[in-house]
Amino acid sequence: MRKEVAILEKVSLFHGILPEDLESILTCLDAKVREYGKNQSIKMAGDKFNSLGIVISGNVQITREDIMGNRTIVASLIEGEIFGETFACAGIEVSPVSIYSLGPSKILWVSIKKIVTTCSSSCDFHSLLIQNLLQLLATKNMYLNNKMDLLSRRSTREKVMAYLISQADSQKSDRFAIPLNRNELADYLCIDRSAMSRELGKLREEGIIEFHKNSFHILEFTVSE
């Protein structure tokens, strides 16, 4: 698990744990690595969910579909990011979302029960893991609140600009790339793809933004400190 350990050093769940201790911790947590192919489902809505997943490599997308078949992208994740911790900690027995591997990927699965329950060896890292997990849940709650704020914008234009500004702010640059293609962005913002494309065109004509494929430039924009 050498490669996995190198990546996990940067994962918030293991913050404060020495790199040389990570391998033994993974053994204690009975962590398992699973590989997935392009467009393969990792979890489907209705599947059991009692572990959190850590993306070791590849890209993962979390989606939700309503009874009419309309798809909403909840999140797109890259190497080092975590998913499923909210459902697992809440004791939700089945997944309310579907999770897909967009390309070849590796996921490290860790049982929530193993994290929050002291093992027979009485490892001294459990309290730190629980502390990190609580912080992770708080951060995810803030992300969901920001997503709700984004979706509450009244117009397609407002939603698009709010998303682009949030991306520029998070990347600390007025020039940035977004992780979504046009169809995925429309699904993420819960807006019509054609209407979104029209607004992007208008924003460019008005000299507010410039873009090429997934690369954007917001003109005369100052990012937050």
C-alpha atoms as a PDB file:
ATOM      1  CA  MET A   1       0.000   0.000   0.000  1.00  0.00           C
ATOM      2  CA  ARG A   2       2.926   2.352  -0.506  1.00  0.00           C
ATOM      3  CA  LYS A   3       1.179   4.442  -3.161  1.00  0.00           C
ATOM      4  CA  GLU A   4      -1.970   4.608  -1.072  1.00  0.00           C
ATOM      5  CA  VAL A   5       0.016   5.758   1.972  1.00  0.00           C
ATOM      6  CA  ALA A   6       1.682   8.546  -0.032  1.00  0.00           C
ATOM      7  CA  ILE A   7      -1.741   9.874  -1.047  1.00  0.00           C
ATOM      8  CA  LEU A   8      -3.324   9.409   2.382  1.00  0.00           C
ATOM      9  CA  GLU A   9      -0.695  11.667   3.948  1.00  0.00           C
ATOM     10  CA  LYS A  10      -2.600  14.548   2.305  1.00  0.00           C
ATOM     11  CA  VAL A  11      -6.106  13.330   3.226  1.00  0.00           C
ATOM     12  CA  SER A  12      -7.838  15.324   5.960  1.00  0.00           C
ATOM     13  CA  LEU A  13      -9.069  12.194   7.753  1.00  0.00           C
ATOM     14  CA  PHE A  14      -5.462  11.283   8.591  1.00  0.00           C
ATOM     15  CA  HIS A  15      -4.278  14.773   9.532  1.00  0.00           C
ATOM     16  CA  GLY A  16      -1.811  14.682  12.416  1.00  0.00           C
ATOM     17  CA  ILE A  17      -0.900  11.008  11.925  1.00  0.00           C
ATOM     18  CA  LEU A  18       2.715  10.269  11.099  1.00  0.00           C
ATOM     19  CA  PRO A  19       3.370   8.795   7.632  1.00  0.00           C
ATOM     20  CA  GLU A  20       5.230   5.848   9.122  1.00  0.00           C
ATOM     21  CA  ASP A  21       2.118   4.940  11.153  1.00  0.00           C
ATOM     22  CA  LEU A  22      -0.345   5.021   8.274  1.00  0.00           C
ATOM     23  CA  GLU A  23       0.267   1.505   6.984  1.00  0.00           C
ATOM     24  CA  SER A  24      -0.366  -0.096  10.373  1.00  0.00           C
ATOM     25  CA  ILE A  25      -3.439   2.102  10.831  1.00  0.00           C
ATOM     26  CA  LEU A  26      -4.867   0.939   7.511  1.00  0.00           C
ATOM     27  CA  THR A  27      -4.379  -2.648   8.630  1.00  0.00           C
ATOM     28  CA  CYS A  28      -6.161  -1.920  11.904  1.00  0.00           C
ATOM     29  CA  LEU A  29      -9.022  -0.282  10.010  1.00  0.00           C
ATOM     30  CA  ASP A  30      -9.221  -3.288   7.679  1.00  0.00           C
ATOM     31  CA  ALA A  31      -8.966  -0.919   4.698  1.00  0.00           C
ATOM     32  CA  LYS A  32      -9.548  -2.411   1.265  1.00  0.00           C
ATOM     33  CA  VAL A  33      -8.572  -1.083  -2.169  1.00  0.00           C
ATOM     34  CA  ARG A  34     -10.961  -1.702  -5.058  1.00  0.00           C
ATOM     35  CA  GLU A  35     -10.404  -0.893  -8.726  1.00  0.00           C
ATOM     36  CA  TYR A  36     -13.130   0.347 -11.085  1.00  0.00           C
ATOM     37  CA  GLY A  37     -13.264   0.792 -14.854  1.00  0.00           C
ATOM     38  CA  LYS A  38     -14.438   3.720 -16.960  1.00  0.00           C
ATOM     39  CA  ASN A  39     -18.125   4.564 -16.364  1.00  0.00           C
ATOM     40  CA  GLN A  40     -18.433   1.671 -13.910  1.00  0.00           C
ATOM     41  CA  SER A  41     -20.816   2.127 -10.999  1.00  0.00           C
ATOM     42  CA  ILE A  42     -19.174   2.245  -7.576  1.00  0.00           C
ATOM     43  CA  LYS A  43     -22.454   2.495  -5.689  1.00  0.00           C
ATOM     44  CA  MET A  44     -25.984   2.656  -7.001  1.00  0.00           C
ATOM     45  CA  ALA A  45     -28.885   4.348  -5.273  1.00  0.00           C
ATOM     46  CA  GLY A  46     -30.358   1.704  -2.969  1.00  0.00           C
ATOM     47  CA  ASP A  47     -27.043  -0.088  -2.308  1.00  0.00           C
ATOM     48  CA  LYS A  48     -25.873  -0.612   1.262  1.00  0.00           C
ATOM     49  CA  PHE A  49     -23.488   2.088   2.509  1.00  0.00           C
ATOM     50  CA  ASN A  50     -21.501   1.490   5.698  1.00  0.00           C
ATOM     51  CA  SER A  51     -18.016   2.644   4.665  1.00  0.00           C
ATOM     52  CA  LEU A  52     -16.421   5.841   3.470  1.00  0.00           C
ATOM     53  CA  GLY A  53     -14.453   5.874   0.237  1.00  0.00           C
ATOM     54  CA  ILE A  54     -11.193   7.677  -0.496  1.00  0.00           C
ATOM     55  CA  VAL A  55     -10.243   8.308  -4.123  1.00  0.00           C
ATOM     56  CA  ILE A  56      -6.699   6.983  -4.579  1.00  0.00           C
ATOM     57  CA  SER A  57      -6.648   7.610  -8.326  1.00  0.00           C
ATOM     58  CA  GLY A  58      -9.065   8.616 -11.060  1.00  0.00           C
ATOM     59  CA  ASN A  59     -12.225  10.730 -11.017  1.00  0.00           C
ATOM     60  CA  VAL A  60     -15.511   9.976  -9.292  1.00  0.00           C
ATOM     61  CA  GLN A  61     -18.908  11.556  -9.801  1.00  0.00           C
ATOM     62  CA  ILE A  62     -21.836  11.508  -7.391  1.00  0.00           C
ATOM     63  CA  THR A  63     -25.276  11.882  -8.947  1.00  0.00           C
ATOM     64  CA  ARG A  64     -28.913  11.859  -7.908  1.00  0.00           C
ATOM     65  CA  GLU A  65     -31.927  11.108 -10.117  1.00  0.00           C
ATOM     66  CA  ASP A  66     -35.544  11.998  -9.451  1.00  0.00           C
ATOM     67  CA  ILE A  67     -38.555   9.832 -10.340  1.00  0.00           C
ATOM     68  CA  MET A  68     -38.726  11.540 -13.740  1.00  0.00           C
ATOM     69  CA  GLY A  69     -35.168  10.507 -14.585  1.00  0.00           C
ATOM     70  CA  ASN A  70     -33.704  14.000 -14.266  1.00  0.00           C
ATOM     71  CA  ARG A  71     -30.072  13.834 -13.194  1.00  0.00           C
ATOM     72  CA  THR A  72     -28.340  16.201 -10.786  1.00  0.00           C
ATOM     73  CA  ILE A  73     -24.591  16.078 -10.203  1.00  0.00           C
ATOM     74  CA  VAL A  74     -24.007  16.332  -6.466  1.00  0.00           C
ATOM     75  CA  ALA A  75     -20.196  16.406  -6.603  1.00  0.00           C
ATOM     76  CA  SER A  76     -17.164  15.512  -8.689  1.00  0.00           C
ATOM     77  CA  LEU A  77     -14.186  14.133  -6.793  1.00  0.00           C
ATOM     78  CA  ILE A  78     -10.505  13.715  -7.585  1.00  0.00           C
ATOM     79  CA  GLU A  79      -7.528  11.977  -6.004  1.00  0.00           C
ATOM     80  CA  GLY A  80      -7.396  12.355  -2.225  1.00  0.00           C
ATOM     81  CA  GLU A  81     -11.050  13.320  -1.750  1.00  0.00           C
ATOM     82  CA  ILE A  82     -13.539  11.443   0.423  1.00  0.00           C
ATOM     83  CA  PHE A  83     -17.170  10.426  -0.105  1.00  0.00           C
ATOM     84  CA  GLY A  84     -19.863   8.532   1.769  1.00  0.00           C
ATOM     85  CA  GLU A  85     -18.832   9.620   5.259  1.00  0.00           C
ATOM     86  CA  THR A  86     -22.101  11.499   5.854  1.00  0.00           C
ATOM     87  CA  PHE A  87     -24.303   8.536   4.912  1.00  0.00           C
ATOM     88  CA  ALA A  88     -22.202   6.040   6.847  1.00  0.00           C
ATOM     89  CA  CYS A  89     -22.068   8.168  10.012  1.00  0.00           C
ATOM     90  CA  ALA A  90     -25.791   8.912   9.840  1.00  0.00           C
ATOM     91  CA  GLY A  91     -26.544   5.210   9.843  1.00  0.00           C
ATOM     92  CA  ILE A  92     -28.306   5.433   6.485  1.00  0.00           C
ATOM     93  CA  GLU A  93     -28.589   1.810   5.402  1.00  0.00           C
ATOM     94  CA  VAL A  94     -28.965   2.438   1.678  1.00  0.00           C
ATOM     95  CA  SER A  95     -27.333   5.007  -0.561  1.00  0.00           C
ATOM     96  CA  PRO A  96     -29.596   7.877  -1.719  1.00  0.00           C
ATOM     97  CA  VAL A  97     -27.167   8.655  -4.557  1.00  0.00           C
ATOM     98  CA  SER A  98     -25.306   6.838  -7.315  1.00  0.00           C
ATOM     99  CA  ILE A  99     -21.522   7.007  -7.590  1.00  0.00           C
ATOM    100  CA  TYR A 100     -19.624   6.388 -10.811  1.00  0.00           C
ATOM    101  CA  SER A 101     -16.017   6.068 -11.857  1.00  0.00           C
ATOM    102  CA  LEU A 102     -15.500   8.420 -14.820  1.00  0.00           C
ATOM    103  CA  GLY A 103     -12.300   6.616 -15.819  1.00  0.00           C
ATOM    104  CA  PRO A 104     -10.087   3.875 -14.386  1.00  0.00           C
ATOM    105  CA  SER A 105      -9.931   4.539 -10.671  1.00  0.00           C
ATOM    106  CA  LYS A 106      -8.927   3.091  -7.314  1.00  0.00           C
ATOM    107  CA  ILE A 107     -10.989   3.551  -4.165  1.00  0.00           C
ATOM    108  CA  LEU A 108      -9.824   2.830  -0.628  1.00  0.00           C
ATOM    109  CA  TRP A 109     -12.777   1.715   1.495  1.00  0.00           C
ATOM    110  CA  VAL A 110     -12.673   2.182   5.258  1.00  0.00           C
ATOM    111  CA  SER A 111     -15.359   0.992   7.661  1.00  0.00           C
ATOM    112  CA  ILE A 112     -16.891   3.784   9.752  1.00  0.00           C
ATOM    113  CA  LYS A 113     -17.396   1.296  12.582  1.00  0.00           C
ATOM    114  CA  LYS A 114     -13.657   0.549  12.598  1.00  0.00           C
ATOM    115  CA  ILE A 115     -12.892   4.266  12.876  1.00  0.00           C
ATOM    116  CA  VAL A 116     -15.223   5.096  15.759  1.00  0.00           C
ATOM    117  CA  THR A 117     -14.799   1.859  17.730  1.00  0.00           C
ATOM    118  CA  THR A 118     -11.649   1.216  19.767  1.00  0.00           C
ATOM    119  CA  CYS A 119      -9.976  -1.962  18.562  1.00  0.00           C
ATOM    120  CA  SER A 120      -8.695  -4.839  20.694  1.00  0.00           C
ATOM    121  CA  SER A 121      -5.162  -3.421  20.452  1.00  0.00           C
ATOM    122  CA  SER A 122      -6.345  -0.129  21.983  1.00  0.00           C
ATOM    123  CA  CYS A 123      -4.675   1.951  19.270  1.00  0.00           C
ATOM    124  CA  ASP A 124      -4.126   5.536  20.411  1.00  0.00           C
ATOM    125  CA  PHE A 125      -5.027   7.090  17.037  1.00  0.00           C
ATOM    126  CA  HIS A 126      -8.782   6.527  17.209  1.00  0.00           C
ATOM    127  CA  SER A 127      -9.524   9.789  19.067  1.00  0.00           C
ATOM    128  CA  LEU A 128      -7.583  11.718  16.420  1.00  0.00           C
ATOM    129  CA  LEU A 129      -9.455   9.953  13.613  1.00  0.00           C
ATOM    130  CA  ILE A 130     -12.795  10.785  15.244  1.00  0.00           C
ATOM    131  CA  GLN A 131     -11.760  14.418  15.627  1.00  0.00           C
ATOM    132  CA  ASN A 132     -10.735  14.564  11.974  1.00  0.00           C
ATOM    133  CA  LEU A 133     -13.965  12.858  10.924  1.00  0.00           C
ATOM    134  CA  LEU A 134     -16.056  15.438  12.795  1.00  0.00           C
ATOM    135  CA  GLN A 135     -14.168  18.237  11.079  1.00  0.00           C
ATOM    136  CA  LEU A 136     -14.672  16.490   7.752  1.00  0.00           C
ATOM    137  CA  LEU A 137     -18.424  16.277   8.349  1.00  0.00           C
ATOM    138  CA  ALA A 138     -18.536  19.972   9.274  1.00  0.00           C
ATOM    139  CA  THR A 139     -16.673  20.872   6.083  1.00  0.00           C
ATOM    140  CA  LYS A 140     -19.058  18.759   4.006  1.00  0.00           C
ATOM    141  CA  ASN A 141     -21.996  20.512   5.660  1.00  0.00           C
ATOM    142  CA  MET A 142     -20.536  23.880   4.638  1.00  0.00           C
ATOM    143  CA  TYR A 143     -20.102  22.590   1.068  1.00  0.00           C
ATOM    144  CA  LEU A 144     -23.756  21.524   0.933  1.00  0.00           C
ATOM    145  CA  ASN A 145     -24.871  24.886   2.313  1.00  0.00           C
ATOM    146  CA  ASN A 146     -22.865  26.633  -0.400  1.00  0.00           C
ATOM    147  CA  LYS A 147     -24.436  24.348  -3.003  1.00  0.00           C
ATOM    148  CA  MET A 148     -27.902  25.227  -1.714  1.00  0.00           C
ATOM    149  CA  ASP A 149     -27.046  28.919  -1.919  1.00  0.00           C
ATOM    150  CA  LEU A 150     -25.883  28.421  -5.496  1.00  0.00           C
ATOM    151  CA  LEU A 151     -29.048  26.595  -6.543  1.00  0.00           C
ATOM    152  CA  SER A 152     -31.249  29.197  -4.850  1.00  0.00           C
ATOM    153  CA  ARG A 153     -30.172  31.845  -7.382  1.00  0.00           C
ATOM    154  CA  ARG A 154     -33.170  32.837  -9.464  1.00  0.00           C
ATOM    155  CA  SER A 155     -31.786  32.965 -12.988  1.00  0.00           C
ATOM    156  CA  THR A 156     -29.520  30.820 -15.142  1.00  0.00           C
ATOM    157  CA  ARG A 157     -27.135  33.783 -15.444  1.00  0.00           C
ATOM    158  CA  GLU A 158     -26.893  34.208 -11.669  1.00  0.00           C
ATOM    159  CA  LYS A 159     -26.238  30.501 -11.145  1.00  0.00           C
ATOM    160  CA  VAL A 160     -23.524  30.392 -13.818  1.00  0.00           C
ATOM    161  CA  MET A 161     -21.728  33.482 -12.511  1.00  0.00           C
ATOM    162  CA  ALA A 162     -22.000  32.381  -8.883  1.00  0.00           C
ATOM    163  CA  TYR A 163     -20.445  29.029  -9.812  1.00  0.00           C
ATOM    164  CA  LEU A 164     -17.628  30.588 -11.833  1.00  0.00           C
ATOM    165  CA  ILE A 165     -16.834  33.101  -9.093  1.00  0.00           C
ATOM    166  CA  SER A 166     -16.743  30.313  -6.503  1.00  0.00           C
ATOM    167  CA  GLN A 167     -14.293  28.370  -8.682  1.00  0.00           C
ATOM    168  CA  ALA A 168     -12.088  31.426  -9.177  1.00  0.00           C
ATOM    169  CA  ASP A 169     -12.176  32.133  -5.458  1.00  0.00           C
ATOM    170  CA  SER A 170     -11.297  28.563  -4.465  1.00  0.00           C
ATOM    171  CA  GLN A 171      -8.416  28.455  -6.964  1.00  0.00           C
ATOM    172  CA  LYS A 172      -7.256  31.978  -6.015  1.00  0.00           C
ATOM    173  CA  SER A 173      -7.076  33.090  -9.622  1.00  0.00           C
ATOM    174  CA  ASP A 174      -9.264  34.818 -12.179  1.00  0.00           C
ATOM    175  CA  ARG A 175      -8.007  32.222 -14.687  1.00  0.00           C
ATOM    176  CA  PHE A 176      -9.058  28.685 -13.836  1.00  0.00           C
ATOM    177  CA  ALA A 177     -10.319  25.359 -15.175  1.00  0.00           C
ATOM    178  CA  ILE A 178     -13.533  23.732 -14.008  1.00  0.00           C
ATOM    179  CA  PRO A 179     -13.853  19.950 -13.499  1.00  0.00           C
ATOM    180  CA  LEU A 180     -17.118  19.656 -15.467  1.00  0.00           C
ATOM    181  CA  ASN A 181     -18.001  19.602 -19.147  1.00  0.00           C
ATOM    182  CA  ARG A 182     -21.017  21.559 -20.392  1.00  0.00           C
ATOM    183  CA  ASN A 183     -23.571  18.787 -19.871  1.00  0.00           C
ATOM    184  CA  GLU A 184     -22.205  18.047 -16.405  1.00  0.00           C
ATOM    185  CA  LEU A 185     -22.199  21.732 -15.464  1.00  0.00           C
ATOM    186  CA  ALA A 186     -25.845  22.062 -16.499  1.00  0.00           C
ATOM    187  CA  ASP A 187     -26.710  19.005 -14.399  1.00  0.00           C
ATOM    188  CA  TYR A 188     -24.721  20.371 -11.453  1.00  0.00           C
ATOM    189  CA  LEU A 189     -26.521  23.712 -11.587  1.00  0.00           C
ATOM    190  CA  CYS A 190     -29.915  22.109 -12.358  1.00  0.00           C
ATOM    191  CA  ILE A 191     -30.420  24.264 -15.457  1.00  0.00           C
ATOM    192  CA  ASP A 192     -31.133  23.694 -19.136  1.00  0.00           C
ATOM    193  CA  ARG A 193     -28.000  23.011 -21.186  1.00  0.00           C
ATOM    194  CA  SER A 194     -29.044  25.248 -24.105  1.00  0.00           C
ATOM    195  CA  ALA A 195     -30.046  28.132 -21.826  1.00  0.00           C
ATOM    196  CA  MET A 196     -26.706  27.864 -20.035  1.00  0.00           C
ATOM    197  CA  SER A 197     -24.791  27.955 -23.324  1.00  0.00           C
ATOM    198  CA  ARG A 198     -26.693  31.073 -24.367  1.00  0.00           C
ATOM    199  CA  GLU A 199     -25.848  32.818 -21.117  1.00  0.00           C
ATOM    200  CA  LEU A 200     -22.176  31.907 -21.424  1.00  0.00           C
ATOM    201  CA  GLY A 201     -22.193  33.388 -24.923  1.00  0.00           C
ATOM    202  CA  LYS A 202     -23.844  36.594 -23.676  1.00  0.00           C
ATOM    203  CA  LEU A 203     -21.369  36.920 -20.803  1.00  0.00           C
ATOM    204  CA  ARG A 204     -18.504  36.630 -23.275  1.00  0.00           C
ATOM    205  CA  GLU A 205     -20.056  39.168 -25.671  1.00  0.00           C
ATOM    206  CA  GLU A 206     -20.480  41.602 -22.780  1.00  0.00           C
ATOM    207  CA  GLY A 207     -16.807  41.269 -21.866  1.00  0.00           C
ATOM    208  CA  ILE A 208     -17.509  39.739 -18.464  1.00  0.00           C
ATOM    209  CA  ILE A 209     -15.811  36.392 -19.086  1.00  0.00           C
ATOM    210  CA  GLU A 210     -13.621  34.638 -21.609  1.00  0.00           C
ATOM    211  CA  PHE A 211     -13.497  30.876 -22.018  1.00  0.00           C
ATOM    212  CA  HIS A 212     -12.245  28.011 -24.113  1.00  0.00           C
ATOM    213  CA  LYS A 213     -13.681  24.586 -23.348  1.00  0.00           C
ATOM    214  CA  ASN A 214     -13.253  24.155 -19.570  1.00  0.00           C
ATOM    215  CA  SER A 215     -10.819  27.052 -19.111  1.00  0.00           C
ATOM    216  CA  PHE A 216     -12.309  30.365 -17.951  1.00  0.00           C
ATOM    217  CA  HIS A 217     -11.145  33.898 -17.299  1.00  0.00           C
ATOM    218  CA  ILE A 218     -13.283  36.295 -15.284  1.00  0.00           C
ATOM    219  CA  LEU A 219     -12.359  39.841 -16.271  1.00  0.00           C
ATOM    220  CA  GLU A 220     -11.756  42.489 -13.598  1.00  0.00           C
ATOM    221  CA  PHE A 221     -12.337  40.042 -10.786  1.00  0.00           C
ATOM    222  CA  THR A 222     -10.623  40.133  -7.377  1.00  0.00           C
ATOM    223  CA  VAL A 223     -10.497  36.838  -5.464  1.00  0.00           C
ATOM    224  CA  SER A 224     -11.071  36.701  -1.719  1.00  0.00           C
ATOM    225  CA  GLU A 225      -8.123  36.553   0.602  1.00  0.00           C
END
